[in-house]
Amino acid sequence: MYCYCLFCLQQNAETIIRQLSHDPSLEVLSPRLIQRKWVKGVPTEESHPYLPGYLFLYSEKPVESFASFRREGVIRVLGDQENRFLLAGNDLQFAERLHDCGGVLGIQKVYEAGDRIRLCEGVLTGFAGEITKVNRQRRRMEVTFMFDGVARKVWMGYDIVTKPADGENASANDKGF
């Protein structure tokens, strides 16, 4: 399977997914995160974009030209033109994990702002980040992860986060995306 990452305006993402899904040799996923929300004391779960505007394209054969994707609303294809925009390394590893779970990353949990954490379950197992804010009433946290060399802040619920064991390093660059 060949993996690519496309960038588009967030409001165009669902339209692009529908348009590209007409080709049976392509699969397009927009990473989603399940967030817990409390309404009148009752917890509910909602699906939200994890990386707004980023789409992951999976193809049975290499994509020769991205010109038609630009007509569909894709702003740019991320990656190196020399490598024909194919994902590699940690980016490929993230894309494969995302594909394995159908694009849904799951529910996450928190400790204290400033803590370095490591995700211990789900598609992001082993990835490290730093907690930047905590909302204890809603049981949510903001975590900063590195993706494509850029710090990305994401709000998530408390479920699959762990602190590294004593002596273990969980720098934000450990298994960044």
N, C-alpha and C. Protein backbone atom coordinates (compact mmCIF):
# COMPACT_ATOMS: atom_id res chain seq x y z
N MET A 1 0.84 -1.17 0.00
CA MET A 1 0.00 0.00 0.00
C MET A 1 0.89 1.24 0.00
N TYR A 2 0.49 2.25 -0.74
CA TYR A 2 1.21 3.52 -0.82
C TYR A 2 0.45 4.55 0.00
N CYS A 3 1.17 5.36 0.78
CA CYS A 3 0.54 6.32 1.68
C CYS A 3 1.01 7.74 1.37
N TYR A 4 0.05 8.66 1.36
CA TYR A 4 0.32 10.07 1.10
C TYR A 4 -0.44 10.91 2.11
N CYS A 5 0.01 12.14 2.31
CA CYS A 5 -0.70 13.08 3.19
C CYS A 5 -1.05 14.32 2.37
N LEU A 6 -2.34 14.66 2.36
CA LEU A 6 -2.85 15.81 1.61
C LEU A 6 -3.26 16.89 2.59
N PHE A 7 -3.09 18.14 2.21
CA PHE A 7 -3.52 19.26 3.04
C PHE A 7 -4.57 20.05 2.28
N CYS A 8 -5.68 20.36 2.98
CA CYS A 8 -6.76 21.12 2.37
C CYS A 8 -7.37 22.03 3.42
N LEU A 9 -8.29 22.88 3.01
CA LEU A 9 -9.04 23.67 3.98
C LEU A 9 -9.95 22.73 4.75
N GLN A 10 -10.05 22.93 6.05
CA GLN A 10 -10.83 22.03 6.89
C GLN A 10 -12.26 21.87 6.39
N GLN A 11 -12.88 22.96 5.95
CA GLN A 11 -14.27 22.89 5.52
C GLN A 11 -14.43 22.11 4.20
N ASN A 12 -13.34 21.87 3.46
CA ASN A 12 -13.41 21.10 2.22
C ASN A 12 -13.11 19.62 2.42
N ALA A 13 -12.66 19.22 3.60
CA ALA A 13 -12.18 17.86 3.82
C ALA A 13 -13.22 16.79 3.49
N GLU A 14 -14.44 16.92 4.01
CA GLU A 14 -15.46 15.90 3.77
C GLU A 14 -15.82 15.81 2.28
N THR A 15 -15.88 16.94 1.59
CA THR A 15 -16.18 16.95 0.16
C THR A 15 -15.08 16.23 -0.61
N ILE A 16 -13.83 16.49 -0.26
CA ILE A 16 -12.70 15.85 -0.94
C ILE A 16 -12.72 14.35 -0.69
N ILE A 17 -13.02 13.94 0.54
CA ILE A 17 -13.10 12.51 0.85
C ILE A 17 -14.16 11.84 -0.02
N ARG A 18 -15.34 12.46 -0.12
CA ARG A 18 -16.42 11.88 -0.94
C ARG A 18 -15.99 11.79 -2.41
N GLN A 19 -15.36 12.85 -2.92
CA GLN A 19 -14.97 12.87 -4.33
C GLN A 19 -13.89 11.83 -4.64
N LEU A 20 -12.89 11.72 -3.78
CA LEU A 20 -11.80 10.77 -4.02
C LEU A 20 -12.23 9.33 -3.76
N SER A 21 -13.26 9.14 -2.95
CA SER A 21 -13.73 7.79 -2.63
C SER A 21 -14.43 7.12 -3.81
N HIS A 22 -14.73 7.85 -4.85
CA HIS A 22 -15.34 7.25 -6.04
C HIS A 22 -14.37 6.31 -6.76
N ASP A 23 -13.07 6.52 -6.54
CA ASP A 23 -12.06 5.65 -7.14
C ASP A 23 -11.82 4.48 -6.20
N PRO A 24 -12.15 3.25 -6.62
CA PRO A 24 -12.02 2.09 -5.72
C PRO A 24 -10.58 1.74 -5.34
N SER A 25 -9.60 2.27 -6.06
CA SER A 25 -8.21 1.98 -5.72
C SER A 25 -7.66 2.94 -4.67
N LEU A 26 -8.49 3.93 -4.25
CA LEU A 26 -8.06 4.91 -3.26
C LEU A 26 -8.90 4.80 -2.00
N GLU A 27 -8.26 5.07 -0.87
CA GLU A 27 -8.97 5.20 0.41
C GLU A 27 -8.45 6.47 1.06
N VAL A 28 -9.35 7.31 1.55
CA VAL A 28 -8.97 8.59 2.16
C VAL A 28 -9.52 8.62 3.58
N LEU A 29 -8.65 8.94 4.53
CA LEU A 29 -9.06 9.05 5.94
C LEU A 29 -8.70 10.41 6.50
N SER A 30 -9.60 10.95 7.28
CA SER A 30 -9.35 12.16 8.04
C SER A 30 -9.24 11.72 9.50
N PRO A 31 -8.09 11.92 10.16
CA PRO A 31 -7.95 11.45 11.54
C PRO A 31 -9.02 12.06 12.44
N ARG A 32 -9.68 11.22 13.22
CA ARG A 32 -10.75 11.64 14.12
C ARG A 32 -10.36 11.24 15.55
N LEU A 33 -10.80 12.04 16.49
CA LEU A 33 -10.57 11.78 17.91
C LEU A 33 -11.92 11.78 18.59
N ILE A 34 -12.16 10.81 19.43
CA ILE A 34 -13.40 10.75 20.19
C ILE A 34 -13.18 11.57 21.46
N GLN A 35 -14.01 12.58 21.67
CA GLN A 35 -13.89 13.41 22.87
C GLN A 35 -15.15 13.25 23.71
N ARG A 36 -14.92 13.15 24.99
CA ARG A 36 -16.02 13.03 25.92
C ARG A 36 -16.53 14.41 26.27
N LYS A 37 -17.85 14.58 26.27
CA LYS A 37 -18.48 15.86 26.58
C LYS A 37 -19.58 15.59 27.60
N TRP A 38 -19.70 16.50 28.58
CA TRP A 38 -20.74 16.34 29.59
C TRP A 38 -21.86 17.33 29.31
N VAL A 39 -23.07 16.81 29.20
CA VAL A 39 -24.25 17.63 29.00
C VAL A 39 -25.19 17.32 30.15
N LYS A 40 -25.42 18.32 31.02
CA LYS A 40 -26.27 18.15 32.19
C LYS A 40 -25.84 16.94 33.03
N GLY A 41 -24.52 16.80 33.18
CA GLY A 41 -23.98 15.73 34.02
C GLY A 41 -23.91 14.37 33.36
N VAL A 42 -24.31 14.26 32.11
CA VAL A 42 -24.30 12.97 31.41
C VAL A 42 -23.17 12.99 30.36
N PRO A 43 -22.24 12.02 30.46
CA PRO A 43 -21.15 11.99 29.48
C PRO A 43 -21.63 11.46 28.13
N THR A 44 -21.23 12.15 27.08
CA THR A 44 -21.47 11.69 25.72
C THR A 44 -20.15 11.74 24.97
N GLU A 45 -20.05 11.00 23.91
CA GLU A 45 -18.83 11.00 23.12
C GLU A 45 -19.11 11.59 21.75
N GLU A 46 -18.22 12.46 21.30
CA GLU A 46 -18.34 13.10 19.99
C GLU A 46 -17.06 12.90 19.21
N SER A 47 -17.20 12.74 17.91
CA SER A 47 -16.05 12.60 17.03
C SER A 47 -15.66 13.98 16.49
N HIS A 48 -14.37 14.30 16.58
CA HIS A 48 -13.86 15.59 16.11
C HIS A 48 -12.61 15.38 15.27
N PRO A 49 -12.32 16.30 14.35
CA PRO A 49 -11.08 16.18 13.58
C PRO A 49 -9.87 16.22 14.51
N TYR A 50 -8.91 15.32 14.28
CA TYR A 50 -7.69 15.31 15.08
C TYR A 50 -6.66 16.25 14.48
N LEU A 51 -6.50 16.22 13.19
CA LEU A 51 -5.58 17.12 12.48
C LEU A 51 -6.40 17.81 11.39
N PRO A 52 -7.13 18.88 11.74
CA PRO A 52 -8.02 19.52 10.76
C PRO A 52 -7.28 19.91 9.49
N GLY A 53 -7.85 19.52 8.35
CA GLY A 53 -7.27 19.86 7.07
C GLY A 53 -6.29 18.84 6.52
N TYR A 54 -5.90 17.84 7.32
CA TYR A 54 -4.98 16.81 6.86
C TYR A 54 -5.77 15.56 6.49
N LEU A 55 -5.52 15.05 5.30
CA LEU A 55 -6.15 13.82 4.84
C LEU A 55 -5.05 12.82 4.50
N PHE A 56 -5.27 11.57 4.83
CA PHE A 56 -4.31 10.53 4.51
C PHE A 56 -4.89 9.69 3.38
N LEU A 57 -4.12 9.56 2.31
CA LEU A 57 -4.54 8.86 1.11
C LEU A 57 -3.78 7.54 1.02
N TYR A 58 -4.52 6.47 0.83
CA TYR A 58 -3.94 5.13 0.69
C TYR A 58 -4.29 4.62 -0.70
N SER A 59 -3.30 4.11 -1.40
CA SER A 59 -3.50 3.70 -2.79
C SER A 59 -2.88 2.33 -3.02
N GLU A 60 -3.51 1.55 -3.89
CA GLU A 60 -2.99 0.22 -4.24
C GLU A 60 -1.76 0.34 -5.14
N LYS A 61 -1.67 1.43 -5.88
CA LYS A 61 -0.52 1.66 -6.76
C LYS A 61 -0.05 3.10 -6.59
N PRO A 62 1.19 3.41 -6.96
CA PRO A 62 1.68 4.79 -6.79
C PRO A 62 0.83 5.79 -7.57
N VAL A 63 0.62 6.95 -6.99
CA VAL A 63 -0.13 8.01 -7.65
C VAL A 63 0.86 8.74 -8.56
N GLU A 64 0.53 8.78 -9.85
CA GLU A 64 1.43 9.39 -10.82
C GLU A 64 1.33 10.91 -10.85
N SER A 65 0.11 11.44 -10.70
CA SER A 65 -0.09 12.89 -10.77
C SER A 65 -1.12 13.32 -9.74
N PHE A 66 -0.84 14.43 -9.10
CA PHE A 66 -1.75 14.98 -8.10
C PHE A 66 -2.55 16.17 -8.64
N ALA A 67 -2.43 16.44 -9.95
CA ALA A 67 -3.11 17.59 -10.55
C ALA A 67 -4.62 17.52 -10.34
N SER A 68 -5.22 16.34 -10.51
CA SER A 68 -6.67 16.22 -10.34
C SER A 68 -7.08 16.45 -8.88
N PHE A 69 -6.22 16.12 -7.94
CA PHE A 69 -6.52 16.34 -6.52
C PHE A 69 -6.60 17.83 -6.22
N ARG A 70 -5.76 18.61 -6.88
CA ARG A 70 -5.78 20.05 -6.67
C ARG A 70 -7.12 20.63 -7.15
N ARG A 71 -7.66 20.08 -8.24
CA ARG A 71 -8.98 20.52 -8.72
C ARG A 71 -10.07 20.15 -7.71
N GLU A 72 -9.85 19.09 -6.94
CA GLU A 72 -10.84 18.66 -5.95
C GLU A 72 -10.80 19.56 -4.71
N GLY A 73 -9.73 20.34 -4.52
CA GLY A 73 -9.64 21.24 -3.38
C GLY A 73 -8.43 21.00 -2.49
N VAL A 74 -7.54 20.12 -2.89
CA VAL A 74 -6.33 19.87 -2.12
C VAL A 74 -5.37 21.03 -2.35
N ILE A 75 -4.88 21.63 -1.26
CA ILE A 75 -3.97 22.77 -1.38
C ILE A 75 -2.58 22.30 -1.76
N ARG A 76 -2.12 21.25 -1.06
CA ARG A 76 -0.80 20.71 -1.39
C ARG A 76 -0.67 19.29 -0.89
N VAL A 77 0.27 18.58 -1.48
CA VAL A 77 0.60 17.23 -1.04
C VAL A 77 1.86 17.37 -0.20
N LEU A 78 1.80 16.88 1.03
CA LEU A 78 2.96 17.01 1.92
C LEU A 78 4.01 15.95 1.57
N GLY A 79 5.23 16.29 1.82
CA GLY A 79 6.30 15.33 1.59
C GLY A 79 7.31 15.85 0.58
N ASP A 80 8.19 14.96 0.21
CA ASP A 80 9.32 15.28 -0.65
C ASP A 80 9.03 14.88 -2.09
N GLN A 81 9.14 15.82 -3.00
CA GLN A 81 8.85 15.54 -4.42
C GLN A 81 9.82 14.49 -4.96
N GLU A 82 11.06 14.47 -4.47
CA GLU A 82 12.04 13.47 -4.92
C GLU A 82 11.55 12.06 -4.64
N ASN A 83 10.85 11.88 -3.53
CA ASN A 83 10.32 10.56 -3.15
C ASN A 83 8.88 10.37 -3.63
N ARG A 84 8.45 11.20 -4.57
CA ARG A 84 7.11 11.14 -5.16
C ARG A 84 6.03 11.31 -4.10
N PHE A 85 6.35 12.09 -3.06
CA PHE A 85 5.44 12.46 -1.97
C PHE A 85 5.01 11.28 -1.10
N LEU A 86 5.66 10.14 -1.22
CA LEU A 86 5.33 8.99 -0.37
C LEU A 86 5.75 9.26 1.07
N LEU A 87 4.90 8.89 2.03
CA LEU A 87 5.26 9.04 3.43
C LEU A 87 6.33 8.03 3.78
N ALA A 88 7.21 8.41 4.72
CA ALA A 88 8.29 7.53 5.15
C ALA A 88 8.54 7.73 6.65
N GLY A 89 9.23 6.82 7.25
CA GLY A 89 9.63 6.93 8.65
C GLY A 89 8.45 7.00 9.60
N ASN A 90 8.53 7.92 10.58
CA ASN A 90 7.47 8.06 11.58
C ASN A 90 6.14 8.49 10.96
N ASP A 91 6.19 9.29 9.90
CA ASP A 91 4.96 9.71 9.23
C ASP A 91 4.24 8.51 8.62
N LEU A 92 5.00 7.61 7.99
CA LEU A 92 4.41 6.40 7.42
C LEU A 92 3.87 5.50 8.53
N GLN A 93 4.61 5.40 9.62
CA GLN A 93 4.17 4.58 10.75
C GLN A 93 2.83 5.11 11.31
N PHE A 94 2.72 6.42 11.45
CA PHE A 94 1.46 7.02 11.91
C PHE A 94 0.34 6.72 10.92
N ALA A 95 0.60 6.90 9.62
CA ALA A 95 -0.43 6.66 8.59
C ALA A 95 -0.89 5.20 8.60
N GLU A 96 0.02 4.28 8.80
CA GLU A 96 -0.35 2.86 8.84
C GLU A 96 -1.20 2.55 10.07
N ARG A 97 -0.83 3.11 11.21
CA ARG A 97 -1.63 2.91 12.43
C ARG A 97 -3.02 3.52 12.27
N LEU A 98 -3.07 4.68 11.67
CA LEU A 98 -4.34 5.35 11.42
C LEU A 98 -5.23 4.48 10.52
N HIS A 99 -4.65 3.90 9.49
CA HIS A 99 -5.39 3.02 8.58
C HIS A 99 -5.91 1.79 9.34
N ASP A 100 -5.07 1.21 10.19
CA ASP A 100 -5.46 0.01 10.95
C ASP A 100 -6.67 0.24 11.84
N CYS A 101 -6.85 1.47 12.33
CA CYS A 101 -7.98 1.75 13.23
C CYS A 101 -9.10 2.52 12.52
N GLY A 102 -9.07 2.55 11.20
CA GLY A 102 -10.14 3.18 10.44
C GLY A 102 -10.23 4.69 10.59
N GLY A 103 -9.15 5.33 11.01
CA GLY A 103 -9.12 6.78 11.13
C GLY A 103 -9.54 7.32 12.49
N VAL A 104 -10.01 6.45 13.40
CA VAL A 104 -10.45 6.91 14.73
C VAL A 104 -9.36 6.61 15.74
N LEU A 105 -8.88 7.65 16.40
CA LEU A 105 -7.76 7.51 17.32
C LEU A 105 -8.17 7.06 18.72
N GLY A 106 -9.38 7.29 19.15
CA GLY A 106 -9.82 6.85 20.47
C GLY A 106 -9.90 7.97 21.48
N ILE A 107 -10.04 7.57 22.73
CA ILE A 107 -10.18 8.51 23.85
C ILE A 107 -8.88 8.52 24.65
N GLN A 108 -8.46 9.67 25.12
CA GLN A 108 -7.19 9.83 25.83
C GLN A 108 -7.41 10.42 27.25
N LYS A 109 -6.44 10.37 28.17
CA LYS A 109 -6.56 10.93 29.53
C LYS A 109 -5.36 11.81 29.94
N VAL A 110 -5.36 12.44 31.16
CA VAL A 110 -4.38 13.47 31.55
C VAL A 110 -3.78 13.30 32.94
N TYR A 111 -2.72 14.07 33.19
CA TYR A 111 -2.11 14.20 34.51
C TYR A 111 -2.04 15.68 34.89
N GLU A 112 -0.87 16.33 34.77
CA GLU A 112 -0.72 17.75 35.12
C GLU A 112 -0.13 18.52 33.95
N ALA A 113 -0.49 19.79 33.83
CA ALA A 113 0.09 20.65 32.79
C ALA A 113 1.61 20.68 32.98
N GLY A 114 2.34 20.57 31.89
CA GLY A 114 3.80 20.56 31.94
C GLY A 114 4.39 19.16 31.96
N ASP A 115 3.58 18.15 32.28
CA ASP A 115 4.08 16.77 32.29
C ASP A 115 4.35 16.28 30.89
N ARG A 116 5.40 15.52 30.75
CA ARG A 116 5.64 14.81 29.50
C ARG A 116 4.92 13.48 29.65
N ILE A 117 4.21 13.09 28.60
CA ILE A 117 3.44 11.86 28.67
C ILE A 117 3.74 10.99 27.46
N ARG A 118 3.32 9.76 27.57
CA ARG A 118 3.44 8.81 26.47
C ARG A 118 2.09 8.12 26.32
N LEU A 119 1.62 7.97 25.10
CA LEU A 119 0.36 7.30 24.86
C LEU A 119 0.60 5.79 24.94
N CYS A 120 -0.24 5.09 25.69
CA CYS A 120 0.02 3.68 25.97
C CYS A 120 -0.98 2.73 25.33
N GLU A 121 -1.97 3.23 24.62
CA GLU A 121 -2.94 2.38 23.94
C GLU A 121 -3.35 3.02 22.63
N GLY A 122 -3.94 2.22 21.77
CA GLY A 122 -4.49 2.74 20.53
C GLY A 122 -3.46 2.97 19.45
N VAL A 123 -3.87 3.67 18.43
CA VAL A 123 -3.06 3.88 17.24
C VAL A 123 -1.78 4.67 17.53
N LEU A 124 -1.79 5.49 18.57
CA LEU A 124 -0.64 6.34 18.87
C LEU A 124 0.28 5.76 19.95
N THR A 125 0.16 4.47 20.24
CA THR A 125 0.98 3.84 21.27
C THR A 125 2.45 4.19 21.08
N GLY A 126 3.08 4.67 22.16
CA GLY A 126 4.49 5.00 22.13
C GLY A 126 4.80 6.44 21.76
N PHE A 127 3.84 7.18 21.24
CA PHE A 127 4.09 8.57 20.88
C PHE A 127 4.11 9.42 22.14
N ALA A 128 4.97 10.44 22.14
CA ALA A 128 5.16 11.29 23.32
C ALA A 128 4.73 12.72 23.03
N GLY A 129 4.30 13.40 24.07
CA GLY A 129 3.90 14.79 23.95
C GLY A 129 3.97 15.47 25.30
N GLU A 130 3.56 16.72 25.35
CA GLU A 130 3.57 17.47 26.60
C GLU A 130 2.19 18.06 26.85
N ILE A 131 1.71 17.91 28.07
CA ILE A 131 0.42 18.46 28.45
C ILE A 131 0.60 19.96 28.65
N THR A 132 -0.22 20.77 27.97
CA THR A 132 -0.10 22.22 28.09
C THR A 132 -1.22 22.84 28.91
N LYS A 133 -2.41 22.23 28.91
CA LYS A 133 -3.53 22.73 29.71
C LYS A 133 -4.37 21.56 30.19
N VAL A 134 -5.06 21.77 31.31
CA VAL A 134 -5.94 20.74 31.86
C VAL A 134 -7.29 21.37 32.20
N ASN A 135 -8.36 20.72 31.80
CA ASN A 135 -9.71 21.12 32.18
C ASN A 135 -10.29 19.97 33.00
N ARG A 136 -10.17 20.08 34.33
CA ARG A 136 -10.57 18.97 35.20
C ARG A 136 -12.07 18.73 35.23
N GLN A 137 -12.88 19.78 35.12
CA GLN A 137 -14.33 19.58 35.13
C GLN A 137 -14.78 18.73 33.95
N ARG A 138 -14.20 18.95 32.81
CA ARG A 138 -14.59 18.19 31.62
C ARG A 138 -13.71 16.98 31.39
N ARG A 139 -12.74 16.78 32.27
CA ARG A 139 -11.79 15.66 32.17
C ARG A 139 -11.12 15.64 30.79
N ARG A 140 -10.59 16.80 30.42
CA ARG A 140 -9.90 16.95 29.13
C ARG A 140 -8.57 17.64 29.33
N MET A 141 -7.69 17.48 28.36
CA MET A 141 -6.37 18.12 28.40
C MET A 141 -5.97 18.56 27.01
N GLU A 142 -5.09 19.54 26.97
CA GLU A 142 -4.48 19.95 25.70
C GLU A 142 -3.06 19.41 25.71
N VAL A 143 -2.71 18.67 24.67
CA VAL A 143 -1.38 18.06 24.56
C VAL A 143 -0.73 18.56 23.28
N THR A 144 0.56 18.86 23.36
CA THR A 144 1.31 19.30 22.19
C THR A 144 2.11 18.11 21.66
N PHE A 145 1.86 17.79 20.38
CA PHE A 145 2.59 16.74 19.67
C PHE A 145 3.29 17.38 18.49
N MET A 146 4.33 16.71 18.00
CA MET A 146 5.00 17.17 16.79
C MET A 146 4.45 16.38 15.62
N PHE A 147 4.06 17.08 14.54
CA PHE A 147 3.60 16.43 13.32
C PHE A 147 4.17 17.19 12.15
N ASP A 148 4.85 16.50 11.27
CA ASP A 148 5.45 17.11 10.09
C ASP A 148 6.36 18.27 10.47
N GLY A 149 7.06 18.13 11.62
CA GLY A 149 8.00 19.15 12.08
C GLY A 149 7.36 20.37 12.71
N VAL A 150 6.04 20.34 12.93
CA VAL A 150 5.33 21.48 13.49
C VAL A 150 4.61 21.03 14.76
N ALA A 151 4.68 21.86 15.81
CA ALA A 151 3.98 21.55 17.06
C ALA A 151 2.48 21.70 16.84
N ARG A 152 1.72 20.66 17.20
CA ARG A 152 0.26 20.67 17.07
C ARG A 152 -0.35 20.46 18.44
N LYS A 153 -1.29 21.33 18.80
CA LYS A 153 -1.98 21.23 20.08
C LYS A 153 -3.34 20.59 19.85
N VAL A 154 -3.64 19.59 20.67
CA VAL A 154 -4.87 18.83 20.50
C VAL A 154 -5.54 18.66 21.86
N TRP A 155 -6.86 18.91 21.91
CA TRP A 155 -7.63 18.65 23.13
C TRP A 155 -8.12 17.22 23.08
N MET A 156 -8.02 16.50 24.21
CA MET A 156 -8.46 15.11 24.27
C MET A 156 -8.92 14.75 25.67
N GLY A 157 -9.68 13.67 25.78
CA GLY A 157 -10.15 13.17 27.07
C GLY A 157 -9.06 12.36 27.77
N TYR A 158 -9.33 11.90 29.01
CA TYR A 158 -8.34 11.20 29.85
C TYR A 158 -8.40 9.70 29.63
N ASP A 159 -7.77 8.98 28.86
CA ASP A 159 -7.94 7.52 28.89
C ASP A 159 -6.69 6.69 28.66
N ILE A 160 -5.83 7.06 27.76
CA ILE A 160 -4.73 6.14 27.43
C ILE A 160 -3.34 6.78 27.56
N VAL A 161 -3.18 7.67 28.53
CA VAL A 161 -1.91 8.36 28.73
C VAL A 161 -1.21 7.80 29.95
N THR A 162 0.09 7.71 29.88
CA THR A 162 0.87 7.28 31.03
C THR A 162 2.12 8.15 31.14
N LYS A 163 2.60 8.31 32.36
CA LYS A 163 3.88 8.98 32.55
C LYS A 163 4.96 7.95 32.30
N PRO A 164 6.09 8.37 31.75
CA PRO A 164 7.19 7.43 31.56
C PRO A 164 7.70 6.94 32.91
N ALA A 165 8.21 5.71 32.92
CA ALA A 165 8.80 5.16 34.14
C ALA A 165 10.02 5.99 34.53
N ASP A 166 10.40 5.96 35.81
CA ASP A 166 11.58 6.69 36.27
C ASP A 166 12.78 6.32 35.41
N GLY A 167 13.49 7.33 34.96
CA GLY A 167 14.67 7.11 34.14
C GLY A 167 14.36 7.01 32.65
N GLU A 168 13.09 6.82 32.30
CA GLU A 168 12.70 6.76 30.90
C GLU A 168 12.42 8.17 30.41
N ASN A 169 12.91 8.50 29.24
CA ASN A 169 12.74 9.84 28.70
C ASN A 169 11.53 9.87 27.78
N ALA A 170 10.67 10.86 27.95
CA ALA A 170 9.51 11.03 27.05
C ALA A 170 9.55 12.42 26.45
N SER A 171 10.61 12.70 25.73
CA SER A 171 10.67 14.02 25.10
C SER A 171 9.64 14.09 24.00
N ALA A 172 9.21 15.29 23.66
CA ALA A 172 8.18 15.47 22.64
C ALA A 172 8.65 14.96 21.27
N ASN A 173 9.95 14.73 21.11
CA ASN A 173 10.44 14.26 19.82
C ASN A 173 10.58 12.74 19.78
N ASP A 174 10.31 12.05 20.90
CA ASP A 174 10.51 10.61 20.92
C ASP A 174 9.90 9.92 19.75
N LYS A 175 8.72 9.74 19.61
CA LYS A 175 8.12 9.07 18.46
C LYS A 175 7.14 10.04 17.87
N GLY A 176 7.59 11.25 17.58
CA GLY A 176 6.69 12.24 17.03
C GLY A 176 6.14 11.80 15.70
N PHE A 177 5.08 12.42 15.27
CA PHE A 177 4.42 12.00 14.03
C PHE A 177 5.30 12.44 12.88
